[in-house]
């Protein structure tokens, strides 16, 4: 994923929008009694470890195929209606890969819906490695990839157990998010997030719409810092404040910081701009500590980065938001 700050004119627009939005009242959390919300960080951790056990899930690899099969089967076992979206996608370097978006739906008959998503592929290069000899090795993607998927899998398991869900929910695992131009090459526009770009132009259901979308990306590290990503604030401020207020109410304010973060190119950008669904990014990014977690796009993105307390904070918050609709 391209986590570079760019487009200065847009940044100015976002800053202006942020200033304006601060003048608006922020939505309060629902006062209606909620069903008992259960989220197991142990289960989410296990789902992350099971993905990592396949090895780097790089496009076109056996690990990618096997993990995709695993995700499809698991989501079916959680009671979701599961389908796949497949296409051949040409990447920035002229190569073609089989894309595989995995879509799991709960209460598909309901018109009112919320979209949850994460990417499940791994980066083919460790371009942030300090050791040049390591840079051509694929990233294992425990945090950058598997963590968001693992949390959504546990959310799916819980949704399958409940019968009080007030809205329909779609969970999408996007492919080919992390095949963007490596750091040593000249940037190519829109080389990242290819699976979400494809889905935004070709949704799995004609005229698909959702109230809002929530992206989970790099949600596993200890003491993670989830700030207001500025594309999220610009396109989906109501959803952003809803989620952060819910986190505060649940006691997770040390993770969900109510302050502006960076401007980040991630799957949610294309869901906003191409699909027109207001979407936010829950992502660990703190400019004051240098940006992303220490193992980002290196050979050190393994299970040592995954903290159950952080998984609990994210999963419990998102699940509570769904039941507050």
C-alpha atoms as a PDB file:
ATOM      1  CA  UNK A   1       0.000   0.000   0.000  1.00  0.00           C
ATOM      2  CA  UNK A   2       1.211   3.454  -0.797  1.00  0.00           C
ATOM      3  CA  UNK A   3       1.358   5.364   2.423  1.00  0.00           C
ATOM      4  CA  UNK A   4       2.935   8.496   0.985  1.00  0.00           C
ATOM      5  CA  UNK A   5       1.455  11.937   1.574  1.00  0.00           C
ATOM      6  CA  UNK A   6       0.735  13.504  -1.780  1.00  0.00           C
ATOM      7  CA  UNK A   7      -1.418  15.879  -3.836  1.00  0.00           C
ATOM      8  CA  UNK A   8      -0.807  19.115  -2.001  1.00  0.00           C
ATOM      9  CA  UNK A   9      -3.873  20.809  -3.420  1.00  0.00           C
ATOM     10  CA  UNK A  10      -6.004  17.975  -2.116  1.00  0.00           C
ATOM     11  CA  UNK A  11      -4.238  18.178   1.217  1.00  0.00           C
ATOM     12  CA  UNK A  12      -5.179  21.841   1.432  1.00  0.00           C
ATOM     13  CA  UNK A  13      -8.758  20.876   0.662  1.00  0.00           C
ATOM     14  CA  UNK A  14      -8.702  18.248   3.367  1.00  0.00           C
ATOM     15  CA  UNK A  15      -7.280  20.627   5.923  1.00  0.00           C
ATOM     16  CA  UNK A  16      -9.966  23.157   5.055  1.00  0.00           C
ATOM     17  CA  UNK A  17     -12.577  20.429   5.318  1.00  0.00           C
ATOM     18  CA  UNK A  18     -11.172  19.358   8.670  1.00  0.00           C
ATOM     19  CA  UNK A  19     -11.416  22.899   9.974  1.00  0.00           C
ATOM     20  CA  UNK A  20     -14.982  23.154   8.748  1.00  0.00           C
ATOM     21  CA  UNK A  21     -16.013  19.775  10.118  1.00  0.00           C
ATOM     22  CA  UNK A  22     -14.765  20.719  13.569  1.00  0.00           C
ATOM     23  CA  UNK A  23     -17.521  23.332  13.616  1.00  0.00           C
ATOM     24  CA  UNK A  24     -20.164  20.661  13.116  1.00  0.00           C
ATOM     25  CA  UNK A  25     -21.638  18.591  15.894  1.00  0.00           C
ATOM     26  CA  UNK A  26     -20.188  15.102  16.009  1.00  0.00           C
ATOM     27  CA  UNK A  27     -22.609  12.175  16.161  1.00  0.00           C
ATOM     28  CA  UNK A  28     -23.125  10.689  19.577  1.00  0.00           C
ATOM     29  CA  UNK A  29     -23.213   6.973  20.161  1.00  0.00           C
ATOM     30  CA  UNK A  30     -26.565   5.213  20.251  1.00  0.00           C
ATOM     31  CA  UNK A  31     -28.418   5.175  23.580  1.00  0.00           C
ATOM     32  CA  UNK A  32     -30.423   2.092  22.605  1.00  0.00           C
ATOM     33  CA  UNK A  33     -29.596  -1.082  24.559  1.00  0.00           C
ATOM     34  CA  UNK A  34     -27.302  -3.340  22.565  1.00  0.00           C
ATOM     35  CA  UNK A  35     -27.202  -7.134  22.539  1.00  0.00           C
ATOM     36  CA  UNK A  36     -24.300  -8.629  24.411  1.00  0.00           C
ATOM     37  CA  UNK A  37     -21.242  -7.955  22.260  1.00  0.00           C
ATOM     38  CA  UNK A  38     -18.682 -10.735  22.248  1.00  0.00           C
ATOM     39  CA  UNK A  39     -15.351 -10.582  20.461  1.00  0.00           C
ATOM     40  CA  UNK A  40     -12.544 -13.067  21.043  1.00  0.00           C
ATOM     41  CA  UNK A  41      -9.056 -11.674  20.528  1.00  0.00           C
ATOM     42  CA  UNK A  42      -7.759 -15.228  20.945  1.00  0.00           C
ATOM     43  CA  UNK A  43      -9.765 -16.329  17.910  1.00  0.00           C
ATOM     44  CA  UNK A  44      -8.677 -13.322  15.840  1.00  0.00           C
ATOM     45  CA  UNK A  45      -5.058 -14.032  16.769  1.00  0.00           C
ATOM     46  CA  UNK A  46      -5.453 -17.647  15.669  1.00  0.00           C
ATOM     47  CA  UNK A  47      -6.930 -16.617  12.309  1.00  0.00           C
ATOM     48  CA  UNK A  48      -3.970 -14.313  11.747  1.00  0.00           C
ATOM     49  CA  UNK A  49      -1.496 -17.065  12.621  1.00  0.00           C
ATOM     50  CA  UNK A  50      -3.258 -19.497  10.283  1.00  0.00           C
ATOM     51  CA  UNK A  51      -2.878 -17.058   7.392  1.00  0.00           C
ATOM     52  CA  UNK A  52       0.779 -16.442   8.193  1.00  0.00           C
ATOM     53  CA  UNK A  53       1.419 -20.196   8.301  1.00  0.00           C
ATOM     54  CA  UNK A  54       0.829 -20.345   4.531  1.00  0.00           C
ATOM     55  CA  UNK A  55       3.841 -18.066   4.013  1.00  0.00           C
ATOM     56  CA  UNK A  56       3.783 -14.804   2.037  1.00  0.00           C
ATOM     57  CA  UNK A  57       0.441 -14.637   0.185  1.00  0.00           C
ATOM     58  CA  UNK A  58       1.861 -12.946  -2.891  1.00  0.00           C
ATOM     59  CA  UNK A  59      -0.276 -12.882  -6.063  1.00  0.00           C
ATOM     60  CA  UNK A  60       0.063 -16.005  -8.195  1.00  0.00           C
ATOM     61  CA  UNK A  61       1.799 -18.082  -5.516  1.00  0.00           C
ATOM     62  CA  UNK A  62       0.684 -21.410  -4.043  1.00  0.00           C
ATOM     63  CA  UNK A  63       0.471 -19.752  -0.628  1.00  0.00           C
ATOM     64  CA  UNK A  64      -1.907 -17.202  -2.124  1.00  0.00           C
ATOM     65  CA  UNK A  65      -4.113 -19.908  -3.666  1.00  0.00           C
ATOM     66  CA  UNK A  66      -4.165 -22.021  -0.512  1.00  0.00           C
ATOM     67  CA  UNK A  67      -4.890 -19.091   1.782  1.00  0.00           C
ATOM     68  CA  UNK A  68      -7.691 -17.912  -0.497  1.00  0.00           C
ATOM     69  CA  UNK A  69      -9.269 -21.357  -0.289  1.00  0.00           C
ATOM     70  CA  UNK A  70      -8.919 -21.246   3.499  1.00  0.00           C
ATOM     71  CA  UNK A  71     -10.589 -17.827   3.742  1.00  0.00           C
ATOM     72  CA  UNK A  72     -13.468 -18.872   1.490  1.00  0.00           C
ATOM     73  CA  UNK A  73     -14.134 -22.037   3.478  1.00  0.00           C
ATOM     74  CA  UNK A  74     -13.851 -20.337   6.874  1.00  0.00           C
ATOM     75  CA  UNK A  75     -16.265 -17.560   5.965  1.00  0.00           C
ATOM     76  CA  UNK A  76     -18.769 -20.152   4.760  1.00  0.00           C
ATOM     77  CA  UNK A  77     -18.401 -21.969   8.074  1.00  0.00           C
ATOM     78  CA  UNK A  78     -19.324 -18.724   9.854  1.00  0.00           C
ATOM     79  CA  UNK A  79     -22.713 -18.700   8.147  1.00  0.00           C
ATOM     80  CA  UNK A  80     -22.005 -16.077   5.497  1.00  0.00           C
ATOM     81  CA  UNK A  81     -23.149 -16.183   1.894  1.00  0.00           C
ATOM     82  CA  UNK A  82     -19.749 -16.261   0.175  1.00  0.00           C
ATOM     83  CA  UNK A  83     -18.799 -15.507  -3.406  1.00  0.00           C
ATOM     84  CA  UNK A  84     -15.610 -14.719  -5.264  1.00  0.00           C
ATOM     85  CA  UNK A  85     -14.791 -12.058  -7.789  1.00  0.00           C
ATOM     86  CA  UNK A  86     -12.033 -13.113 -10.171  1.00  0.00           C
ATOM     87  CA  UNK A  87     -10.251 -11.293 -12.975  1.00  0.00           C
ATOM     88  CA  UNK A  88      -6.837 -11.103 -14.616  1.00  0.00           C
ATOM     89  CA  UNK A  89      -5.166  -7.868 -13.519  1.00  0.00           C
ATOM     90  CA  UNK A  90      -2.149  -6.218 -15.130  1.00  0.00           C
ATOM     91  CA  UNK A  91       0.198  -4.584 -12.637  1.00  0.00           C
ATOM     92  CA  UNK A  92       2.471  -1.544 -12.963  1.00  0.00           C
ATOM     93  CA  UNK A  93       5.363  -3.721 -14.223  1.00  0.00           C
ATOM     94  CA  UNK A  94       3.359  -5.268 -17.077  1.00  0.00           C
ATOM     95  CA  UNK A  95       2.756  -8.606 -15.366  1.00  0.00           C
ATOM     96  CA  UNK A  96      -0.670 -10.226 -15.194  1.00  0.00           C
ATOM     97  CA  UNK A  97      -1.990 -11.926 -12.062  1.00  0.00           C
ATOM     98  CA  UNK A  98      -5.240 -13.705 -11.201  1.00  0.00           C
ATOM     99  CA  UNK A  99      -7.114 -11.427  -8.797  1.00  0.00           C
ATOM    100  CA  UNK A 100      -9.387 -12.998  -6.207  1.00  0.00           C
ATOM    101  CA  UNK A 101     -11.671 -10.808  -4.097  1.00  0.00           C
ATOM    102  CA  UNK A 102     -13.570 -12.800  -1.463  1.00  0.00           C
ATOM    103  CA  UNK A 103     -17.000 -11.420  -0.502  1.00  0.00           C
ATOM    104  CA  UNK A 104     -19.011 -12.644   2.498  1.00  0.00           C
ATOM    105  CA  UNK A 105     -22.527 -11.325   3.118  1.00  0.00           C
ATOM    106  CA  UNK A 106     -24.846 -11.424   6.112  1.00  0.00           C
ATOM    107  CA  UNK A 107     -28.567 -10.781   5.644  1.00  0.00           C
ATOM    108  CA  UNK A 108     -28.128 -10.230   1.888  1.00  0.00           C
ATOM    109  CA  UNK A 109     -31.837  -9.485   1.521  1.00  0.00           C
ATOM    110  CA  UNK A 110     -31.567  -6.250   3.541  1.00  0.00           C
ATOM    111  CA  UNK A 111     -31.266  -3.002   1.595  1.00  0.00           C
ATOM    112  CA  UNK A 112     -29.515  -1.071   4.382  1.00  0.00           C
ATOM    113  CA  UNK A 113     -25.926  -2.314   4.576  1.00  0.00           C
ATOM    114  CA  UNK A 114     -22.490  -1.642   6.027  1.00  0.00           C
ATOM    115  CA  UNK A 115     -19.297  -2.638   4.211  1.00  0.00           C
ATOM    116  CA  UNK A 116     -16.245  -3.947   6.082  1.00  0.00           C
ATOM    117  CA  UNK A 117     -13.019  -4.670   4.231  1.00  0.00           C
ATOM    118  CA  UNK A 118      -9.313  -5.476   4.442  1.00  0.00           C
ATOM    119  CA  UNK A 119      -6.646  -6.730   2.050  1.00  0.00           C
ATOM    120  CA  UNK A 120      -5.403 -10.305   2.242  1.00  0.00           C
ATOM    121  CA  UNK A 121      -2.425 -10.309  -0.139  1.00  0.00           C
ATOM    122  CA  UNK A 122       1.221  -9.733   0.792  1.00  0.00           C
ATOM    123  CA  UNK A 123       3.838  -7.391  -0.620  1.00  0.00           C
ATOM    124  CA  UNK A 124       6.288  -9.138  -3.002  1.00  0.00           C
ATOM    125  CA  UNK A 125       9.199  -6.918  -1.883  1.00  0.00           C
ATOM    126  CA  UNK A 126      10.602  -5.792   1.447  1.00  0.00           C
ATOM    127  CA  UNK A 127      11.434  -2.349   0.103  1.00  0.00           C
ATOM    128  CA  UNK A 128      11.740  -0.774   3.557  1.00  0.00           C
ATOM    129  CA  UNK A 129      14.513  -3.185   4.587  1.00  0.00           C
ATOM    130  CA  UNK A 130      17.747  -1.519   5.659  1.00  0.00           C
ATOM    131  CA  UNK A 131      19.654  -4.542   4.344  1.00  0.00           C
ATOM    132  CA  UNK A 132      19.665  -4.336   0.538  1.00  0.00           C
ATOM    133  CA  UNK A 133      20.066  -8.128   0.257  1.00  0.00           C
ATOM    134  CA  UNK A 134      16.674  -8.598   1.910  1.00  0.00           C
ATOM    135  CA  UNK A 135      14.671  -6.203  -0.236  1.00  0.00           C
ATOM    136  CA  UNK A 136      13.668  -8.649  -2.968  1.00  0.00           C
ATOM    137  CA  UNK A 137      12.099 -11.053  -0.458  1.00  0.00           C
ATOM    138  CA  UNK A 138       8.336 -11.139   0.013  1.00  0.00           C
ATOM    139  CA  UNK A 139       6.773  -9.779   3.195  1.00  0.00           C
ATOM    140  CA  UNK A 140       5.092 -12.262   5.533  1.00  0.00           C
ATOM    141  CA  UNK A 141       2.324  -9.764   6.253  1.00  0.00           C
ATOM    142  CA  UNK A 142       1.221 -10.656   9.779  1.00  0.00           C
ATOM    143  CA  UNK A 143       0.225  -7.084  10.553  1.00  0.00           C
ATOM    144  CA  UNK A 144       0.066  -5.579   7.058  1.00  0.00           C
ATOM    145  CA  UNK A 145      -2.550  -7.910   5.626  1.00  0.00           C
ATOM    146  CA  UNK A 146      -3.442 -10.735   7.998  1.00  0.00           C
ATOM    147  CA  UNK A 147      -4.373  -8.608  11.030  1.00  0.00           C
ATOM    148  CA  UNK A 148      -7.277  -6.814   9.376  1.00  0.00           C
ATOM    149  CA  UNK A 149      -8.526 -10.045   7.840  1.00  0.00           C
ATOM    150  CA  UNK A 150      -8.219 -11.904  11.148  1.00  0.00           C
ATOM    151  CA  UNK A 151     -10.268  -9.312  13.013  1.00  0.00           C
ATOM    152  CA  UNK A 152     -12.945  -9.372  10.303  1.00  0.00           C
ATOM    153  CA  UNK A 153     -13.036 -13.172  10.440  1.00  0.00           C
ATOM    154  CA  UNK A 154     -13.785 -13.057  14.150  1.00  0.00           C
ATOM    155  CA  UNK A 155     -16.424 -10.384  13.542  1.00  0.00           C
ATOM    156  CA  UNK A 156     -17.921 -12.711  10.918  1.00  0.00           C
ATOM    157  CA  UNK A 157     -17.956 -15.600  13.375  1.00  0.00           C
ATOM    158  CA  UNK A 158     -19.818 -13.468  15.890  1.00  0.00           C
ATOM    159  CA  UNK A 159     -22.298 -12.216  13.279  1.00  0.00           C
ATOM    160  CA  UNK A 160     -23.069 -15.804  12.392  1.00  0.00           C
ATOM    161  CA  UNK A 161     -23.983 -16.517  16.031  1.00  0.00           C
ATOM    162  CA  UNK A 162     -26.295 -13.508  16.488  1.00  0.00           C
ATOM    163  CA  UNK A 163     -29.846 -13.086  15.201  1.00  0.00           C
ATOM    164  CA  UNK A 164     -30.329  -9.432  16.168  1.00  0.00           C
ATOM    165  CA  UNK A 165     -28.256  -7.745  13.481  1.00  0.00           C
ATOM    166  CA  UNK A 166     -30.149  -4.567  12.501  1.00  0.00           C
ATOM    167  CA  UNK A 167     -28.612  -4.203   9.037  1.00  0.00           C
ATOM    168  CA  UNK A 168     -26.977  -6.252   6.313  1.00  0.00           C
ATOM    169  CA  UNK A 169     -23.195  -6.558   6.426  1.00  0.00           C
ATOM    170  CA  UNK A 170     -20.759  -7.323   3.616  1.00  0.00           C
ATOM    171  CA  UNK A 171     -17.164  -8.278   4.373  1.00  0.00           C
ATOM    172  CA  UNK A 172     -14.696  -8.114   1.491  1.00  0.00           C
ATOM    173  CA  UNK A 173     -11.121  -9.359   1.471  1.00  0.00           C
ATOM    174  CA  UNK A 174      -9.483  -7.404  -1.335  1.00  0.00           C
ATOM    175  CA  UNK A 175      -6.638  -8.852  -3.370  1.00  0.00           C
ATOM    176  CA  UNK A 176      -3.656  -7.135  -5.009  1.00  0.00           C
ATOM    177  CA  UNK A 177      -3.614  -4.195  -2.629  1.00  0.00           C
ATOM    178  CA  UNK A 178       0.090  -4.351  -1.869  1.00  0.00           C
ATOM    179  CA  UNK A 179       1.587  -4.760  -5.361  1.00  0.00           C
ATOM    180  CA  UNK A 180       2.233  -1.034  -5.749  1.00  0.00           C
ATOM    181  CA  UNK A 181       5.471   0.385  -7.114  1.00  0.00           C
ATOM    182  CA  UNK A 182       8.428  -0.426  -4.820  1.00  0.00           C
ATOM    183  CA  UNK A 183      10.327   2.364  -3.164  1.00  0.00           C
ATOM    184  CA  UNK A 184      13.266   2.181  -5.581  1.00  0.00           C
ATOM    185  CA  UNK A 185      11.108   2.691  -8.698  1.00  0.00           C
ATOM    186  CA  UNK A 186       9.476   5.836 -10.056  1.00  0.00           C
ATOM    187  CA  UNK A 187       5.914   6.124  -8.832  1.00  0.00           C
ATOM    188  CA  UNK A 188       3.068   5.009 -11.107  1.00  0.00           C
ATOM    189  CA  UNK A 189      -0.389   6.449 -10.516  1.00  0.00           C
ATOM    190  CA  UNK A 190      -2.976   4.023  -9.098  1.00  0.00           C
ATOM    191  CA  UNK A 191      -0.559   1.091  -8.915  1.00  0.00           C
ATOM    192  CA  UNK A 192      -1.835   0.139  -5.458  1.00  0.00           C
ATOM    193  CA  UNK A 193      -5.173  -1.283  -4.288  1.00  0.00           C
ATOM    194  CA  UNK A 194      -5.963  -3.056  -7.550  1.00  0.00           C
ATOM    195  CA  UNK A 195      -8.560  -5.403  -6.073  1.00  0.00           C
ATOM    196  CA  UNK A 196     -10.568  -2.593  -4.522  1.00  0.00           C
ATOM    197  CA  UNK A 197     -10.278  -0.509  -7.678  1.00  0.00           C
ATOM    198  CA  UNK A 198     -11.695  -3.414  -9.672  1.00  0.00           C
ATOM    199  CA  UNK A 199     -14.550  -4.036  -7.240  1.00  0.00           C
ATOM    200  CA  UNK A 200     -15.429  -0.324  -7.078  1.00  0.00           C
ATOM    201  CA  UNK A 201     -15.889  -0.356 -10.869  1.00  0.00           C
ATOM    202  CA  UNK A 202     -17.511  -3.821 -10.939  1.00  0.00           C
ATOM    203  CA  UNK A 203     -19.338  -4.398  -7.630  1.00  0.00           C
ATOM    204  CA  UNK A 204     -20.503  -7.914  -6.860  1.00  0.00           C
ATOM    205  CA  UNK A 205     -24.110  -6.716  -6.922  1.00  0.00           C
ATOM    206  CA  UNK A 206     -25.539  -4.279  -9.459  1.00  0.00           C
ATOM    207  CA  UNK A 207     -26.135  -0.798  -7.999  1.00  0.00           C
ATOM    208  CA  UNK A 208     -24.595  -1.924  -4.709  1.00  0.00           C
ATOM    209  CA  UNK A 209     -24.574   0.666  -1.957  1.00  0.00           C
ATOM    210  CA  UNK A 210     -23.834   0.834   1.756  1.00  0.00           C
ATOM    211  CA  UNK A 211     -24.333   3.422   4.468  1.00  0.00           C
ATOM    212  CA  UNK A 212     -20.581   3.513   4.979  1.00  0.00           C
ATOM    213  CA  UNK A 213     -17.479   1.356   4.814  1.00  0.00           C
ATOM    214  CA  UNK A 214     -14.764   0.544   7.354  1.00  0.00           C
ATOM    215  CA  UNK A 215     -11.289  -0.570   6.290  1.00  0.00           C
ATOM    216  CA  UNK A 216      -9.034  -2.382   8.761  1.00  0.00           C
ATOM    217  CA  UNK A 217      -5.331  -2.143   7.934  1.00  0.00           C
ATOM    218  CA  UNK A 218      -2.391  -2.864  10.226  1.00  0.00           C
ATOM    219  CA  UNK A 219      -4.573  -3.240  13.305  1.00  0.00           C
ATOM    220  CA  UNK A 220      -2.454  -5.703  15.277  1.00  0.00           C
ATOM    221  CA  UNK A 221       0.544  -4.020  16.875  1.00  0.00           C
ATOM    222  CA  UNK A 222       0.995  -3.289  20.561  1.00  0.00           C
ATOM    223  CA  UNK A 223       0.113   0.300  21.514  1.00  0.00           C
ATOM    224  CA  UNK A 224      -1.266   0.994  18.039  1.00  0.00           C
ATOM    225  CA  UNK A 225      -2.252   4.573  17.258  1.00  0.00           C
ATOM    226  CA  UNK A 226      -5.423   5.001  15.193  1.00  0.00           C
ATOM    227  CA  UNK A 227      -5.832   8.660  14.280  1.00  0.00           C
ATOM    228  CA  UNK A 228      -8.257  10.403  11.921  1.00  0.00           C
ATOM    229  CA  UNK A 229      -6.868   9.612   8.475  1.00  0.00           C
ATOM    230  CA  UNK A 230      -7.676  12.674   6.378  1.00  0.00           C
ATOM    231  CA  UNK A 231      -9.253  11.019   3.330  1.00  0.00           C
ATOM    232  CA  UNK A 232     -11.563   9.331   5.838  1.00  0.00           C
ATOM    233  CA  UNK A 233     -12.343  12.651   7.471  1.00  0.00           C
ATOM    234  CA  UNK A 234     -12.965  14.349   4.136  1.00  0.00           C
ATOM    235  CA  UNK A 235     -15.249  11.709   2.627  1.00  0.00           C
ATOM    236  CA  UNK A 236     -16.824  10.021   5.662  1.00  0.00           C
ATOM    237  CA  UNK A 237     -16.602  12.236   8.740  1.00  0.00           C
ATOM    238  CA  UNK A 238     -19.903  11.003  10.208  1.00  0.00           C
ATOM    239  CA  UNK A 239     -18.761   7.373  10.106  1.00  0.00           C
ATOM    240  CA  UNK A 240     -15.333   8.369  11.416  1.00  0.00           C
ATOM    241  CA  UNK A 241     -16.723  10.136  14.465  1.00  0.00           C
ATOM    242  CA  UNK A 242     -19.237   7.334  15.061  1.00  0.00           C
ATOM    243  CA  UNK A 243     -16.467   4.738  15.291  1.00  0.00           C
ATOM    244  CA  UNK A 244     -14.077   6.845  17.371  1.00  0.00           C
ATOM    245  CA  UNK A 245     -16.856   7.879  19.781  1.00  0.00           C
ATOM    246  CA  UNK A 246     -17.844   4.239  20.212  1.00  0.00           C
ATOM    247  CA  UNK A 247     -14.228   3.313  20.943  1.00  0.00           C
ATOM    248  CA  UNK A 248     -14.026   6.048  23.574  1.00  0.00           C
ATOM    249  CA  UNK A 249     -17.249   4.827  25.190  1.00  0.00           C
ATOM    250  CA  UNK A 250     -15.860   1.286  25.373  1.00  0.00           C
ATOM    251  CA  UNK A 251     -12.635   2.434  27.030  1.00  0.00           C
ATOM    252  CA  UNK A 252     -10.311   2.181  24.034  1.00  0.00           C
ATOM    253  CA  UNK A 253      -9.375   5.841  23.822  1.00  0.00           C
ATOM    254  CA  UNK A 254      -5.682   5.043  24.188  1.00  0.00           C
ATOM    255  CA  UNK A 255      -5.837   3.414  20.737  1.00  0.00           C
ATOM    256  CA  UNK A 256      -8.415   5.580  18.956  1.00  0.00           C
ATOM    257  CA  UNK A 257      -6.878   9.040  19.160  1.00  0.00           C
ATOM    258  CA  UNK A 258      -9.197  11.932  18.355  1.00  0.00           C
ATOM    259  CA  UNK A 259      -6.804  13.928  16.223  1.00  0.00           C
ATOM    260  CA  UNK A 260      -5.724  14.269  12.606  1.00  0.00           C
ATOM    261  CA  UNK A 261      -3.366  11.701  11.097  1.00  0.00           C
ATOM    262  CA  UNK A 262      -1.853  11.431   7.625  1.00  0.00           C
ATOM    263  CA  UNK A 263      -3.291  11.386   4.107  1.00  0.00           C
ATOM    264  CA  UNK A 264      -2.949   7.742   3.081  1.00  0.00           C
ATOM    265  CA  UNK A 265      -3.609   5.940  -0.186  1.00  0.00           C
ATOM    266  CA  UNK A 266      -5.389   2.750   0.823  1.00  0.00           C
ATOM    267  CA  UNK A 267      -8.354   0.679  -0.312  1.00  0.00           C
ATOM    268  CA  UNK A 268     -10.839   3.092   1.237  1.00  0.00           C
ATOM    269  CA  UNK A 269      -9.743   5.873  -1.136  1.00  0.00           C
ATOM    270  CA  UNK A 270     -11.113   3.991  -4.150  1.00  0.00           C
ATOM    271  CA  UNK A 271     -14.271   2.903  -2.357  1.00  0.00           C
ATOM    272  CA  UNK A 272     -14.875   6.597  -1.696  1.00  0.00           C
ATOM    273  CA  UNK A 273     -13.910   8.002  -5.084  1.00  0.00           C
ATOM    274  CA  UNK A 274     -14.981   5.220  -7.468  1.00  0.00           C
ATOM    275  CA  UNK A 275     -17.843   3.503  -5.632  1.00  0.00           C
ATOM    276  CA  UNK A 276     -19.160   6.581  -3.847  1.00  0.00           C
ATOM    277  CA  UNK A 277     -19.473   4.806  -0.491  1.00  0.00           C
ATOM    278  CA  UNK A 278     -18.252   6.995   2.408  1.00  0.00           C
ATOM    279  CA  UNK A 279     -15.473   4.910   3.922  1.00  0.00           C
ATOM    280  CA  UNK A 280     -12.903   5.240   6.676  1.00  0.00           C
ATOM    281  CA  UNK A 281      -9.532   3.665   7.373  1.00  0.00           C
ATOM    282  CA  UNK A 282      -8.696   2.301  10.819  1.00  0.00           C
ATOM    283  CA  UNK A 283      -4.937   2.174  10.411  1.00  0.00           C
ATOM    284  CA  UNK A 284      -1.958   2.360  12.749  1.00  0.00           C
ATOM    285  CA  UNK A 285      -0.131   5.499  11.656  1.00  0.00           C
ATOM    286  CA  UNK A 286       1.553   8.122  13.817  1.00  0.00           C
ATOM    287  CA  UNK A 287       3.753  10.762  12.200  1.00  0.00           C
ATOM    288  CA  UNK A 288       5.280  11.663  15.568  1.00  0.00           C
ATOM    289  CA  UNK A 289       6.926   8.227  15.752  1.00  0.00           C
ATOM    290  CA  UNK A 290       7.890   8.055  12.072  1.00  0.00           C
ATOM    291  CA  UNK A 291       4.685   6.765  10.502  1.00  0.00           C
ATOM    292  CA  UNK A 292       3.993   3.033  10.454  1.00  0.00           C
ATOM    293  CA  UNK A 293       5.009   0.202  12.737  1.00  0.00           C
ATOM    294  CA  UNK A 294       8.681  -0.713  12.732  1.00  0.00           C
ATOM    295  CA  UNK A 295       8.306  -3.887  10.657  1.00  0.00           C
ATOM    296  CA  UNK A 296       6.299  -2.294   7.828  1.00  0.00           C
ATOM    297  CA  UNK A 297       7.340  -3.678   4.412  1.00  0.00           C
ATOM    298  CA  UNK A 298      10.267  -5.574   5.921  1.00  0.00           C
ATOM    299  CA  UNK A 299      11.153  -9.159   6.802  1.00  0.00           C
ATOM    300  CA  UNK A 300      10.079  -8.442  10.376  1.00  0.00           C
ATOM    301  CA  UNK A 301       6.317  -8.284   9.767  1.00  0.00           C
ATOM    302  CA  UNK A 302       5.639 -11.527  11.614  1.00  0.00           C
ATOM    303  CA  UNK A 303       3.527 -12.726  14.541  1.00  0.00           C
ATOM    304  CA  UNK A 304       5.769 -10.926  17.014  1.00  0.00           C
ATOM    305  CA  UNK A 305       3.986  -7.747  15.923  1.00  0.00           C
ATOM    306  CA  UNK A 306       0.526  -8.995  16.894  1.00  0.00           C
ATOM    307  CA  UNK A 307      -0.960  -7.951  20.225  1.00  0.00           C
ATOM    308  CA  UNK A 308      -4.260  -9.374  21.438  1.00  0.00           C
ATOM    309  CA  UNK A 309      -5.221  -6.242  23.368  1.00  0.00           C
ATOM    310  CA  UNK A 310      -5.127  -4.195  20.163  1.00  0.00           C
ATOM    311  CA  UNK A 311      -7.144  -6.821  18.288  1.00  0.00           C
ATOM    312  CA  UNK A 312      -9.739  -6.707  21.060  1.00  0.00           C
ATOM    313  CA  UNK A 313      -9.994  -2.912  20.923  1.00  0.00           C
ATOM    314  CA  UNK A 314     -10.558  -2.865  17.171  1.00  0.00           C
ATOM    315  CA  UNK A 315     -12.861  -5.850  16.894  1.00  0.00           C
ATOM    316  CA  UNK A 316     -15.019  -4.954  19.889  1.00  0.00           C
ATOM    317  CA  UNK A 317     -15.393  -1.388  18.640  1.00  0.00           C
ATOM    318  CA  UNK A 318     -16.378  -2.302  15.085  1.00  0.00           C
ATOM    319  CA  UNK A 319     -18.795  -5.011  16.199  1.00  0.00           C
ATOM    320  CA  UNK A 320     -20.427  -2.591  18.642  1.00  0.00           C
ATOM    321  CA  UNK A 321     -20.831  -0.010  15.890  1.00  0.00           C
ATOM    322  CA  UNK A 322     -22.663  -2.550  13.727  1.00  0.00           C
ATOM    323  CA  UNK A 323     -25.150  -3.352  16.464  1.00  0.00           C
ATOM    324  CA  UNK A 324     -25.715   0.329  17.245  1.00  0.00           C
ATOM    325  CA  UNK A 325     -27.118   0.992  13.745  1.00  0.00           C
END
